[in-house]
Each structure stands twice: as C-alpha cells, then as structure tokens.
Amino acid sequence: MDRQTPMDRESADRISAAADRDPASPTATSGFDDRAQAAADSNDAHDDEEDD
C-alpha cells in the first residue's frame, strides 16, 4: 500500500533552495521545484478551507 504525504511549505522551500543552488540538477531542469511550490500553495489553500 502506497503512503502519500501532502507537499508542505517547508518541503517545497527546501526543494526550491536545492534547485537554486544547482540550476543544472534534475530537480531544477525538470521543473519539479515549480510543481512542489504549486502543490504546497494548493495544500495551504485546502488547509485554510478546513480551518473555517
């Protein structure tokens, strides 16, 4: 059984920082850092809805 953990802001920031440090890395060139930020944004918005 697969376990999924939602992308959080801290993880997305860490991924982006790694991509910034090495722009030629697979993380940076694949656009994963941008997708991680978008997922964290989406999860933040989802969390805000649950708090209401």
Protein backbone atom coordinates (compact mmCIF):
# COMPACT_ATOMS: atom_id res chain seq x y z
CA MET A 1 0.00 0.00 0.00
CA ASP A 2 1.38 3.38 -1.02
CA ARG A 3 1.54 6.15 1.52
CA GLN A 4 1.22 9.71 0.29
CA THR A 5 2.27 12.76 2.23
CA PRO A 6 0.95 16.13 1.05
CA MET A 7 3.56 18.67 -0.01
CA ASP A 8 4.04 21.23 2.73
CA ARG A 9 5.61 24.68 2.53
CA GLU A 10 8.81 23.64 4.32
CA SER A 11 9.47 20.79 1.89
CA ALA A 12 8.69 22.93 -1.15
CA ASP A 13 11.07 25.63 0.08
CA ARG A 14 13.80 23.04 0.62
CA ILE A 15 13.32 21.68 -2.92
CA SER A 16 13.42 25.18 -4.41
CA ALA A 17 16.58 26.03 -2.48
CA ALA A 18 18.27 22.90 -3.82
CA ALA A 19 17.26 23.82 -7.36
CA ASP A 20 18.60 27.35 -6.87
CA ARG A 21 21.93 26.01 -5.59
CA ASP A 22 22.38 23.78 -8.66
CA PRO A 23 20.41 25.05 -11.69
CA ALA A 24 21.70 22.14 -13.80
CA SER A 25 20.32 19.50 -11.41
CA PRO A 26 17.46 17.22 -12.46
CA THR A 27 15.24 18.91 -9.87
CA ALA A 28 15.78 22.31 -11.44
CA THR A 29 15.71 21.27 -15.09
CA SER A 30 12.59 19.11 -14.75
CA GLY A 31 10.56 21.90 -13.17
CA PHE A 32 9.96 19.84 -10.04
CA ASP A 33 10.67 22.85 -7.85
CA ASP A 34 7.85 24.79 -9.52
CA ARG A 35 5.46 21.84 -9.17
CA ALA A 36 6.39 21.46 -5.50
CA GLN A 37 5.64 25.14 -4.86
CA ALA A 38 2.30 24.83 -6.67
CA ALA A 39 1.38 21.75 -4.64
CA ALA A 40 2.29 23.49 -1.39
CA ASP A 41 0.18 26.50 -2.41
CA SER A 42 -2.73 24.20 -3.19
CA ASN A 43 -2.37 22.34 0.09
CA ASP A 44 -2.14 25.61 2.02
CA ALA A 45 -5.39 26.76 0.42
CA HIS A 46 -7.01 23.42 1.19
CA ASP A 47 -5.87 23.62 4.83
CA ASP A 48 -7.30 27.15 5.12
CA GLU A 49 -10.70 25.87 3.92
CA GLU A 50 -10.71 23.17 6.59
CA ASP A 51 -9.97 25.74 9.31
CA ASP A 52 -13.16 27.70 8.54
